[in-house]
C-alpha atoms as a PDB file:
ATOM      1  CA  MET A   1      -4.224   1.720  -8.309  1.00  0.00           C
ATOM      2  CA  LYS A   2      -7.920   2.892  -8.020  1.00  0.00           C
ATOM      3  CA  ILE A   3      -9.788   2.418  -4.981  1.00  0.00           C
ATOM      4  CA  LYS A   4     -12.238  -0.428  -6.675  1.00  0.00           C
ATOM      5  CA  GLU A   5      -9.559  -2.326  -7.599  1.00  0.00           C
ATOM      6  CA  ILE A   6      -8.202  -2.387  -4.347  1.00  0.00           C
ATOM      7  CA  ARG A   7     -11.664  -3.131  -2.542  1.00  0.00           C
ATOM      8  CA  ASP A   8     -11.631  -6.290  -5.055  1.00  0.00           C
ATOM      9  CA  MET A   9      -8.822  -7.845  -4.095  1.00  0.00           C
ATOM     10  CA  SER A  10      -8.302 -10.303  -1.637  1.00  0.00           C
ATOM     11  CA  ALA A  11      -6.354 -10.025   1.983  1.00  0.00           C
ATOM     12  CA  GLN A  12      -3.110 -11.979   1.229  1.00  0.00           C
ATOM     13  CA  ASP A  13      -3.164  -9.740  -2.192  1.00  0.00           C
ATOM     14  CA  LEU A  14      -3.301  -6.611  -0.460  1.00  0.00           C
ATOM     15  CA  SER A  15      -0.515  -7.928   2.157  1.00  0.00           C
ATOM     16  CA  ALA A  16       1.545  -9.027  -0.572  1.00  0.00           C
ATOM     17  CA  ARG A  17       1.151  -5.808  -2.405  1.00  0.00           C
ATOM     18  CA  LYS A  18       1.691  -3.670   0.630  1.00  0.00           C
ATOM     19  CA  HIS A  19       4.768  -5.289   1.118  1.00  0.00           C
ATOM     20  CA  GLU A  20       6.033  -5.169  -2.324  1.00  0.00           C
ATOM     21  CA  LEU A  21       5.273  -1.055  -1.859  1.00  0.00           C
ATOM     22  CA  ARG A  22       7.244  -0.990   1.462  1.00  0.00           C
ATOM     23  CA  GLU A  23      10.408  -2.363  -0.534  1.00  0.00           C
ATOM     24  CA  GLU A  24       9.798   0.099  -3.405  1.00  0.00           C
ATOM     25  CA  SER A  25       9.444   3.131  -0.943  1.00  0.00           C
ATOM     26  CA  PHE A  26      12.679   1.954   0.966  1.00  0.00           C
ATOM     27  CA  HIS A  27      14.706   2.060  -2.472  1.00  0.00           C
ATOM     28  CA  LEU A  28      13.180   5.233  -3.087  1.00  0.00           C
ATOM     29  CA  ARG A  29      14.096   6.760  -0.338  1.00  0.00           C
ATOM     30  CA  ILE A  30      17.737   5.262  -0.587  1.00  0.00           C
ATOM     31  CA  GLN A  31      17.849   6.986  -3.803  1.00  0.00           C
ATOM     32  CA  GLN A  32      16.563  10.314  -2.861  1.00  0.00           C
ATOM     33  CA  GLN A  33      19.116  10.608   0.164  1.00  0.00           C
ATOM     34  CA  SER A  34      21.909   9.790  -2.378  1.00  0.00           C
ATOM     35  CA  GLY A  35      20.559  12.491  -4.738  1.00  0.00           C
ATOM     36  CA  GLN A  36      19.516  10.179  -7.782  1.00  0.00           C
ATOM     37  CA  LEU A  37      15.862  10.052  -7.382  1.00  0.00           C
ATOM     38  CA  GLU A  38      14.372  11.353 -10.754  1.00  0.00           C
ATOM     39  CA  LYS A  39      10.619  11.701  -9.458  1.00  0.00           C
ATOM     40  CA  PRO A  40      10.063  12.694  -6.042  1.00  0.00           C
ATOM     41  CA  SER A  41       6.856  12.667  -6.272  1.00  0.00           C
ATOM     42  CA  GLN A  42       6.742   8.749  -6.590  1.00  0.00           C
ATOM     43  CA  LEU A  43       7.389   8.691  -3.080  1.00  0.00           C
ATOM     44  CA  ARG A  44       4.197  10.526  -2.458  1.00  0.00           C
ATOM     45  CA  ALA A  45       2.135   8.551  -4.516  1.00  0.00           C
ATOM     46  CA  ILE A  46       3.269   5.090  -3.228  1.00  0.00           C
ATOM     47  CA  ARG A  47       2.725   6.395   0.665  1.00  0.00           C
ATOM     48  CA  ARG A  48      -0.890   7.148  -0.227  1.00  0.00           C
ATOM     49  CA  GLU A  49      -1.339   3.792  -1.971  1.00  0.00           C
ATOM     50  CA  ILE A  50       0.027   2.103   0.655  1.00  0.00           C
ATOM     51  CA  ALA A  51      -2.404   3.935   2.864  1.00  0.00           C
ATOM     52  CA  ARG A  52      -5.139   2.935   0.895  1.00  0.00           C
ATOM     53  CA  LEU A  53      -4.310  -0.716   1.488  1.00  0.00           C
ATOM     54  CA  GLU A  54      -4.290  -0.719   5.021  1.00  0.00           C
ATOM     55  CA  THR A  55      -7.451   1.142   5.126  1.00  0.00           C
ATOM     56  CA  VAL A  56      -9.154  -1.550   2.794  1.00  0.00           C
ATOM     57  CA  LEU A  57      -7.471  -4.427   5.184  1.00  0.00           C
ATOM     58  CA  SER A  58      -8.572  -2.945   8.022  1.00  0.00           C
ATOM     59  CA  GLU A  59     -12.297  -2.698   6.783  1.00  0.00           C
ATOM     60  CA  LYS A  60     -12.073  -6.460   5.606  1.00  0.00           C
ATOM     61  CA  THR A  61     -10.596  -7.363   8.935  1.00  0.00           C
ATOM     62  CA  LYS A  62     -13.422  -5.520  11.150  1.00  0.00           C
ATOM     63  CA  ALA A  63     -16.061  -7.061   8.712  1.00  0.00           C
ATOM     64  CA  ALA A  64     -14.784 -10.346   9.254  1.00  0.00           C
ATOM     65  CA  SER A  65     -14.706 -10.130  12.869  1.00  0.00           C
ATOM     66  CA  ALA A  66     -18.433  -8.552  12.453  1.00  0.00           C
ATOM     67  CA  LYS A  67     -19.487 -11.586  10.762  1.00  0.00           C
ATOM     68  CA  ALA A  68     -17.859 -14.052  13.038  1.00  0.00           C
ATOM     69  CA  LYS A  69     -19.990 -12.929  15.992  1.00  0.00           C
END
């Protein structure tokens, strides 16, 4: 998912997507431990997308708190 697409999402959508990715990451780590993971690079991609989501969420939170003042 591109950063532009992420920035266009609402805070609730971002939180839901982050939750989905964390679950997927958990399942992939279990597969990796059992030796069944076919694409190890998928874990890295998910970690990076979670980081992007968290960055945009924090930006939106800061913007909302600055707007309230």
